[in-house]
C-alpha atoms as a PDB file:
ATOM      1  CA  ALA A   1     -53.205-101.538 -41.430  1.00  0.00           C
ATOM      2  CA  LEU A   2     -50.843-100.021 -38.756  1.00  0.00           C
ATOM      3  CA  THR A   3     -51.906 -96.516 -39.635  1.00  0.00           C
ATOM      4  CA  THR A   4     -55.546 -97.531 -39.491  1.00  0.00           C
ATOM      5  CA  VAL A   5     -55.038 -99.190 -36.107  1.00  0.00           C
ATOM      6  CA  PHE A   6     -53.364 -96.228 -34.518  1.00  0.00           C
ATOM      7  CA  ILE A   7     -55.731 -93.605 -36.126  1.00  0.00           C
ATOM      8  CA  PHE A   8     -58.676 -95.712 -34.754  1.00  0.00           C
ATOM      9  CA  THR A   9     -57.136 -95.943 -31.311  1.00  0.00           C
ATOM     10  CA  LEU A  10     -56.493 -92.085 -31.211  1.00  0.00           C
ATOM     11  CA  PHE A  11     -60.045 -91.575 -32.109  1.00  0.00           C
ATOM     12  CA  VAL A  12     -61.324 -93.838 -29.436  1.00  0.00           C
ATOM     13  CA  ILE A  13     -59.149 -92.170 -26.852  1.00  0.00           C
ATOM     14  CA  LEU A  14     -60.287 -88.735 -27.925  1.00  0.00           C
ATOM     15  CA  LEU A  15     -63.944 -89.525 -27.976  1.00  0.00           C
ATOM     16  CA  TYR A  16     -63.639 -91.242 -24.499  1.00  0.00           C
ATOM     17  CA  THR A  17     -61.818 -88.243 -23.144  1.00  0.00           C
ATOM     18  CA  ILE A  18     -64.406 -85.847 -24.536  1.00  0.00           C
ATOM     19  CA  VAL A  19     -67.257 -87.781 -23.175  1.00  0.00           C
ATOM     20  CA  THR A  20     -65.682 -87.971 -19.753  1.00  0.00           C
ATOM     21  CA  ILE A  21     -64.898 -84.305 -19.667  1.00  0.00           C
ATOM     22  CA  GLN A  22     -68.586 -83.661 -20.545  1.00  0.00           C
ATOM     23  CA  ASN A  23     -69.466 -85.909 -17.712  1.00  0.00           C
ATOM     24  CA  GLN A  24     -67.218 -84.171 -15.354  1.00  0.00           C
ATOM     25  CA  LYS A  25     -68.845 -80.848 -16.137  1.00  0.00           C
ATOM     26  CA  LEU A  26     -72.203 -82.284 -15.186  1.00  0.00           C
ATOM     27  CA  ASP A  27     -70.628 -84.028 -12.177  1.00  0.00           C
ATOM     28  CA  GLY A  28     -69.383 -80.635 -10.976  1.00  0.00           C
ATOM     29  CA  VAL A  29     -72.969 -79.300 -11.099  1.00  0.00           C
ATOM     30  CA  THR A  30     -74.256 -82.207  -9.230  1.00  0.00           C
ATOM     31  CA  VAL A  31     -71.603 -81.904  -6.453  1.00  0.00           C
ATOM     32  CA  ASP A  32     -72.401 -78.193  -6.242  1.00  0.00           C
ATOM     33  CA  LEU A  33     -76.002 -78.782  -5.889  1.00  0.00           C
ATOM     34  CA  ALA A  34     -75.446 -81.506  -3.351  1.00  0.00           C
ATOM     35  CA  GLY A  35     -73.247 -79.046  -1.405  1.00  0.00           C
ATOM     36  CA  ARG A  36     -75.807 -76.351  -1.376  1.00  0.00           C
ATOM     37  CA  GLN A  37     -78.149 -78.839   0.320  1.00  0.00           C
ATOM     38  CA  ARG A  38     -76.046 -78.349   3.424  1.00  0.00           C
ATOM     39  CA  MET A  39     -76.252 -74.566   3.238  1.00  0.00           C
ATOM     40  CA  LEU A  40     -79.954 -74.798   2.618  1.00  0.00           C
ATOM     41  CA  ILE A  41     -80.508 -77.097   5.551  1.00  0.00           C
ATOM     42  CA  GLN A  42     -78.703 -74.494   7.849  1.00  0.00           C
ATOM     43  CA  GLN A  43     -80.683 -71.659   6.179  1.00  0.00           C
ATOM     44  CA  HIS A  44     -83.911 -73.472   6.735  1.00  0.00           C
ATOM     45  CA  MET A  45     -83.101 -74.038  10.459  1.00  0.00           C
ATOM     46  CA  LYS A  46     -82.465 -70.241  10.871  1.00  0.00           C
ATOM     47  CA  GLU A  47     -85.729 -69.306   9.047  1.00  0.00           C
ATOM     48  CA  VAL A  48     -87.675 -71.525  11.333  1.00  0.00           C
ATOM     49  CA  LEU A  49     -86.156 -69.890  14.377  1.00  0.00           C
ATOM     50  CA  LEU A  50     -86.801 -66.509  12.908  1.00  0.00           C
ATOM     51  CA  THR A  51     -90.419 -67.427  12.078  1.00  0.00           C
ATOM     52  CA  LEU A  52     -90.874 -68.539  15.743  1.00  0.00           C
ATOM     53  CA  GLN A  53     -89.599 -65.196  16.914  1.00  0.00           C
ATOM     54  CA  GLY A  54     -92.216 -63.441  14.803  1.00  0.00           C
ATOM     55  CA  ILE A  55     -89.796 -62.331  12.116  1.00  0.00           C
ATOM     56  CA  SER A  56     -90.964 -63.000   8.461  1.00  0.00           C
ATOM     57  CA  ALA A  57     -88.889 -65.659   6.896  1.00  0.00           C
ATOM     58  CA  ASP A  58     -89.915 -67.724   3.842  1.00  0.00           C
ATOM     59  CA  TYR A  59     -88.822 -71.093   5.243  1.00  0.00           C
ATOM     60  CA  LEU A  60     -91.455 -72.854   2.992  1.00  0.00           C
ATOM     61  CA  PHE A  61     -89.647 -71.749  -0.098  1.00  0.00           C
ATOM     62  CA  THR A  62     -86.391 -73.002   1.233  1.00  0.00           C
ATOM     63  CA  ARG A  63     -88.011 -76.294   2.187  1.00  0.00           C
ATOM     64  CA  ASN A  64     -89.511 -76.665  -1.288  1.00  0.00           C
ATOM     65  CA  ILE A  65     -86.047 -76.267  -2.799  1.00  0.00           C
ATOM     66  CA  LEU A  66     -84.580 -78.716  -0.631  1.00  0.00           C
ATOM     67  CA  ASN A  67     -87.076 -81.372  -1.488  1.00  0.00           C
ATOM     68  CA  GLN A  68     -87.099 -80.685  -5.151  1.00  0.00           C
ATOM     69  CA  THR A  69     -83.231 -80.715  -5.413  1.00  0.00           C
ATOM     70  CA  LEU A  70     -83.126 -83.911  -3.260  1.00  0.00           C
ATOM     71  CA  ASP A  71     -85.597 -85.663  -5.599  1.00  0.00           C
ATOM     72  CA  ALA A  72     -83.535 -84.538  -8.669  1.00  0.00           C
ATOM     73  CA  LEU A  73     -80.273 -85.887  -7.060  1.00  0.00           C
ATOM     74  CA  MET A  74     -81.907 -89.190  -6.298  1.00  0.00           C
ATOM     75  CA  PHE A  75     -84.155 -89.940  -9.307  1.00  0.00           C
ATOM     76  CA  GLY A  76     -83.009 -87.463 -11.846  1.00  0.00           C
ATOM     77  CA  GLY A  77     -84.818 -84.496 -13.245  1.00  0.00           C
ATOM     78  CA  GLN A  78     -84.801 -80.704 -13.226  1.00  0.00           C
ATOM     79  CA  ALA A  79     -83.393 -78.714 -10.168  1.00  0.00           C
ATOM     80  CA  ILE A  80     -83.082 -75.063  -9.438  1.00  0.00           C
ATOM     81  CA  MET A  81     -79.592 -74.037 -10.088  1.00  0.00           C
ATOM     82  CA  ASN A  82     -79.893 -70.462  -8.942  1.00  0.00           C
ATOM     83  CA  PRO A  83     -82.887 -69.505  -6.731  1.00  0.00           C
ATOM     84  CA  GLY A  84     -82.598 -65.856  -7.439  1.00  0.00           C
ATOM     85  CA  SER A  85     -82.855 -66.174 -11.345  1.00  0.00           C
ATOM     86  CA  GLY A  86     -84.798 -69.534 -11.277  1.00  0.00           C
ATOM     87  CA  ASP A  87     -82.197 -71.169 -13.693  1.00  0.00           C
ATOM     88  CA  MET A  88     -82.920 -74.839 -14.109  1.00  0.00           C
ATOM     89  CA  VAL A  89     -80.641 -77.768 -14.634  1.00  0.00           C
ATOM     90  CA  THR A  90     -81.368 -81.415 -15.558  1.00  0.00           C
ATOM     91  CA  LEU A  91     -79.667 -83.921 -13.375  1.00  0.00           C
ATOM     92  CA  PRO A  92     -79.048 -87.688 -14.088  1.00  0.00           C
ATOM     93  CA  PRO A  93     -80.290 -90.165 -11.391  1.00  0.00           C
ATOM     94  CA  ALA A  94     -78.041 -91.110  -8.628  1.00  0.00           C
ATOM     95  CA  PRO A  95     -74.902 -92.919 -10.233  1.00  0.00           C
ATOM     96  CA  THR A  96     -74.533 -95.574  -7.406  1.00  0.00           C
ATOM     97  CA  GLN A  97     -76.726 -97.500  -5.010  1.00  0.00           C
ATOM     98  CA  GLU A  98     -74.537 -96.134  -1.977  1.00  0.00           C
ATOM     99  CA  ILE A  99     -75.265 -92.584  -3.037  1.00  0.00           C
ATOM    100  CA  LEU A 100     -79.018 -93.427  -3.649  1.00  0.00           C
ATOM    101  CA  GLN A 101     -79.203 -94.915  -0.072  1.00  0.00           C
ATOM    102  CA  GLU A 102     -77.440 -91.917   1.514  1.00  0.00           C
ATOM    103  CA  LEU A 103     -79.662 -89.463  -0.271  1.00  0.00           C
ATOM    104  CA  GLY A 104     -82.634 -91.703   0.815  1.00  0.00           C
ATOM    105  CA  HIS A 105     -81.441 -91.355   4.407  1.00  0.00           C
ATOM    106  CA  GLN A 106     -81.224 -87.628   4.026  1.00  0.00           C
ATOM    107  CA  LYS A 107     -84.849 -87.574   2.548  1.00  0.00           C
ATOM    108  CA  THR A 108     -86.093 -89.444   5.615  1.00  0.00           C
ATOM    109  CA  LEU A 109     -84.292 -87.139   7.993  1.00  0.00           C
ATOM    110  CA  LEU A 110     -85.536 -84.112   6.091  1.00  0.00           C
ATOM    111  CA  ALA A 111     -89.136 -85.330   6.445  1.00  0.00           C
ATOM    112  CA  GLU A 112     -88.658 -85.830  10.146  1.00  0.00           C
ATOM    113  CA  PHE A 113     -87.255 -82.422  10.506  1.00  0.00           C
ATOM    114  CA  THR A 114     -90.098 -80.816   8.558  1.00  0.00           C
ATOM    115  CA  GLN A 115     -92.554 -82.596  10.805  1.00  0.00           C
ATOM    116  CA  ARG A 116     -90.743 -81.564  14.044  1.00  0.00           C
ATOM    117  CA  ALA A 117     -90.145 -77.914  12.853  1.00  0.00           C
ATOM    118  CA  ASP A 118     -93.942 -77.576  11.859  1.00  0.00           C
ATOM    119  CA  THR A 119     -94.903 -78.898  15.412  1.00  0.00           C
ATOM    120  CA  PHE A 120     -92.389 -76.589  16.910  1.00  0.00           C
ATOM    121  CA  LEU A 121     -93.782 -73.669  14.993  1.00  0.00           C
ATOM    122  CA  GLU A 122     -97.385 -74.485  16.000  1.00  0.00           C
ATOM    123  CA  SER A 123     -96.584 -74.898  19.632  1.00  0.00           C
ATOM    124  CA  GLY A 124     -95.343 -71.418  19.846  1.00  0.00           C
ATOM    125  CA  SER A 125     -92.461 -69.840  21.902  1.00  0.00           C
ATOM    126  CA  GLU A 126     -94.410 -70.019  25.151  1.00  0.00           C
ATOM    127  CA  HIS A 127     -94.772 -73.692  25.090  1.00  0.00           C
ATOM    128  CA  PRO A 128     -93.395 -75.471  28.257  1.00  0.00           C
ATOM    129  CA  GLY A 129     -91.459 -77.963  26.322  1.00  0.00           C
ATOM    130  CA  ASN A 130     -90.222 -75.590  23.691  1.00  0.00           C
ATOM    131  CA  ALA A 131     -86.508 -75.662  24.960  1.00  0.00           C
ATOM    132  CA  LEU A 132     -86.408 -79.423  24.903  1.00  0.00           C
ATOM    133  CA  GLU A 133     -88.014 -79.581  21.490  1.00  0.00           C
ATOM    134  CA  LEU A 134     -85.612 -76.902  20.258  1.00  0.00           C
ATOM    135  CA  LYS A 135     -82.568 -78.963  21.386  1.00  0.00           C
ATOM    136  CA  ARG A 136     -83.906 -82.009  19.619  1.00  0.00           C
ATOM    137  CA  LEU A 137     -84.549 -79.970  16.480  1.00  0.00           C
ATOM    138  CA  LEU A 138     -81.062 -78.665  16.499  1.00  0.00           C
ATOM    139  CA  ALA A 139     -79.705 -82.175  16.972  1.00  0.00           C
ATOM    140  CA  LEU A 140     -81.729 -83.416  14.062  1.00  0.00           C
ATOM    141  CA  ASN A 141     -80.365 -80.598  12.000  1.00  0.00           C
ATOM    142  CA  THR A 142     -76.814 -81.388  12.775  1.00  0.00           C
ATOM    143  CA  ARG A 143     -77.567 -85.093  11.693  1.00  0.00           C
ATOM    144  CA  LEU A 144     -79.169 -83.929   8.624  1.00  0.00           C
ATOM    145  CA  LYS A 145     -76.240 -81.749   7.625  1.00  0.00           C
ATOM    146  CA  GLU A 146     -73.804 -84.678   8.469  1.00  0.00           C
ATOM    147  CA  VAL A 147     -75.737 -87.011   6.039  1.00  0.00           C
ATOM    148  CA  ALA A 148     -75.856 -84.265   3.423  1.00  0.00           C
ATOM    149  CA  ASN A 149     -71.929 -83.907   3.858  1.00  0.00           C
ATOM    150  CA  ASN A 150     -71.517 -87.581   3.253  1.00  0.00           C
ATOM    151  CA  ALA A 151     -73.536 -87.479   0.130  1.00  0.00           C
ATOM    152  CA  VAL A 152     -71.322 -84.839  -1.268  1.00  0.00           C
ATOM    153  CA  LYS A 153     -68.225 -86.813  -0.405  1.00  0.00           C
ATOM    154  CA  LEU A 154     -69.773 -89.882  -2.190  1.00  0.00           C
ATOM    155  CA  PHE A 155     -70.458 -87.704  -5.302  1.00  0.00           C
ATOM    156  CA  SER A 156     -66.997 -86.225  -5.271  1.00  0.00           C
ATOM    157  CA  ARG A 157     -65.410 -89.816  -4.928  1.00  0.00           C
ATOM    158  CA  HIS A 158     -67.455 -91.039  -7.720  1.00  0.00           C
ATOM    159  CA  SER A 159     -66.337 -88.129 -10.077  1.00  0.00           C
ATOM    160  CA  GLN A 160     -62.723 -88.842  -9.158  1.00  0.00           C
ATOM    161  CA  ASP A 161     -63.269 -92.500  -9.906  1.00  0.00           C
ATOM    162  CA  LYS A 162     -64.403 -91.732 -13.255  1.00  0.00           C
ATOM    163  CA  ILE A 163     -61.049 -89.839 -14.034  1.00  0.00           C
ATOM    164  CA  SER A 164     -59.165 -92.814 -12.544  1.00  0.00           C
ATOM    165  CA  GLU A 165     -61.067 -95.199 -14.770  1.00  0.00           C
ATOM    166  CA  MET A 166     -60.565 -93.132 -17.808  1.00  0.00           C
ATOM    167  CA  ILE A 167     -56.702 -93.074 -17.209  1.00  0.00           C
ATOM    168  CA  ILE A 168     -56.705 -96.746 -16.817  1.00  0.00           C
ATOM    169  CA  TRP A 169     -58.905 -97.628 -19.876  1.00  0.00           C
ATOM    170  CA  GLU A 170     -57.019 -95.207 -22.082  1.00  0.00           C
ATOM    171  CA  SER A 171     -53.704 -96.787 -20.888  1.00  0.00           C
ATOM    172  CA  LEU A 172     -55.000-100.269 -21.584  1.00  0.00           C
ATOM    173  CA  ILE A 173     -56.253 -99.240 -24.997  1.00  0.00           C
ATOM    174  CA  GLY A 174     -52.792 -97.583 -25.720  1.00  0.00           C
ATOM    175  CA  LEU A 175     -50.910-100.776 -24.537  1.00  0.00           C
ATOM    176  CA  LEU A 176     -53.210-103.020 -26.690  1.00  0.00           C
ATOM    177  CA  ALA A 177     -52.638-100.845 -29.634  1.00  0.00           C
ATOM    178  CA  GLY A 178     -48.841-100.822 -29.150  1.00  0.00           C
ATOM    179  CA  PHE A 179     -48.784-104.561 -28.631  1.00  0.00           C
ATOM    180  CA  PHE A 180     -50.846-105.074 -31.785  1.00  0.00           C
ATOM    181  CA  GLY A 181     -48.655-102.737 -33.778  1.00  0.00           C
ATOM    182  CA  ILE A 182     -45.507-104.681 -32.635  1.00  0.00           C
ATOM    183  CA  LEU A 183     -47.167-108.083 -33.448  1.00  0.00           C
ATOM    184  CA  MET A 184     -48.056-106.600 -37.047  1.00  0.00           C
ATOM    185  CA  THR A 185     -44.547-105.126 -37.492  1.00  0.00           C
ATOM    186  CA  ARG A 186     -42.933-108.613 -36.652  1.00  0.00           C
ATOM    187  CA  GLN A 187     -45.338-110.262 -39.166  1.00  0.00           C
ATOM    188  CA  VAL A 188     -44.220-107.766 -41.665  1.00  0.00           C
ATOM    189  CA  ARG A 189     -40.619-108.244 -40.947  1.00  0.00           C
ATOM    190  CA  LEU A 190     -41.113-112.034 -41.313  1.00  0.00           C
ATOM    191  CA  ALA A 191     -43.038-111.615 -44.641  1.00  0.00           C
ATOM    192  CA  ASN A 192     -40.171-109.285 -45.850  1.00  0.00           C
ATOM    193  CA  ARG A 193     -37.482-112.017 -44.996  1.00  0.00           C
ATOM    194  CA  GLU A 194     -39.335-114.638 -46.682  1.00  0.00           C
ATOM    195  CA  LEU A 195     -39.767-112.577 -49.680  1.00  0.00           C
ATOM    196  CA  GLU A 196     -36.165-111.515 -49.867  1.00  0.00           C
ATOM    197  CA  HIS A 197     -35.233-115.222 -49.388  1.00  0.00           C
ATOM    198  CA  GLU A 198     -37.507-116.078 -52.316  1.00  0.00           C
ATOM    199  CA  ILE A 199     -36.081-113.255 -54.458  1.00  0.00           C
ATOM    200  CA  GLN A 200     -32.604-114.483 -53.769  1.00  0.00           C
ATOM    201  CA  GLU A 201     -33.662-118.089 -54.582  1.00  0.00           C
ATOM    202  CA  ARG A 202     -35.217-117.027 -57.824  1.00  0.00           C
ATOM    203  CA  SER A 203     -32.254-114.968 -58.777  1.00  0.00           C
ATOM    204  CA  ARG A 204     -29.928-118.030 -58.017  1.00  0.00           C
ATOM    205  CA  ILE A 205     -32.140-120.322 -60.182  1.00  0.00           C
ATOM    206  CA  GLU A 206     -32.281-117.759 -62.940  1.00  0.00           C
ATOM    207  CA  THR A 207     -28.499-117.333 -62.904  1.00  0.00           C
ATOM    208  CA  ALA A 208     -28.118-121.177 -63.007  1.00  0.00           C
ATOM    209  CA  LEU A 209     -30.625-121.453 -66.030  1.00  0.00           C
ATOM    210  CA  ARG A 210     -28.757-118.619 -67.833  1.00  0.00           C
ATOM    211  CA  TYR A 211     -25.429-120.313 -67.334  1.00  0.00           C
ATOM    212  CA  ARG A 212     -26.973-123.686 -68.619  1.00  0.00           C
ATOM    213  CA  ILE A 213     -28.498-122.044 -71.573  1.00  0.00           C
ATOM    214  CA  GLU A 214     -25.015-120.332 -72.510  1.00  0.00           C
ATOM    215  CA  ILE A 215     -23.361-123.803 -72.034  1.00  0.00           C
ATOM    216  CA  GLU A 216     -26.034-125.455 -74.339  1.00  0.00           C
ATOM    217  CA  ASN A 217     -25.568-122.727 -76.865  1.00  0.00           C
ATOM    218  CA  LEU A 218     -21.761-123.060 -76.730  1.00  0.00           C
END
């Protein structure tokens, strides 16, 4: 029974560790994609400015990747892992409500930035209010990067919490298994003592009976 308990405990701990490691790999991909959002936001801003100056820049492609990745981070689904090769990865939904709210805030700011950027490009560089609109657009871009950075921190903290939770649960499982083993060992010892006492008592009775039989025979 003790061997079965310890083998089962080791199996549970091993299985839990393997599952957690697999989740950590997926969390690493998620954190990486969330971190790329910040770079894509900055790249999108530069491409908008280049387009305003008449230089060819595919800001719409970057915008589509931003929106697609953000939707995948929020609700789960496929996202582009490598824009160059087109590699895709399937992400789970946002693990906590706090992360989902932060990503929702980012989506709202991104929609506002998209609208302002399109208006900014349509007005052209010769528009009288162009300088003021550019300043607002840059400020909005800065806020958008800050929110994206907060989302990365939340994803990273959630991933670290999984490791801490695994260590705590495995420690508790080990302690429970050890306590159960000590309890069973104590019960076995008590049973052995009772058995030894019973054997000694039977031996004493058997010796007394033999002595009585010898007396009667004599």
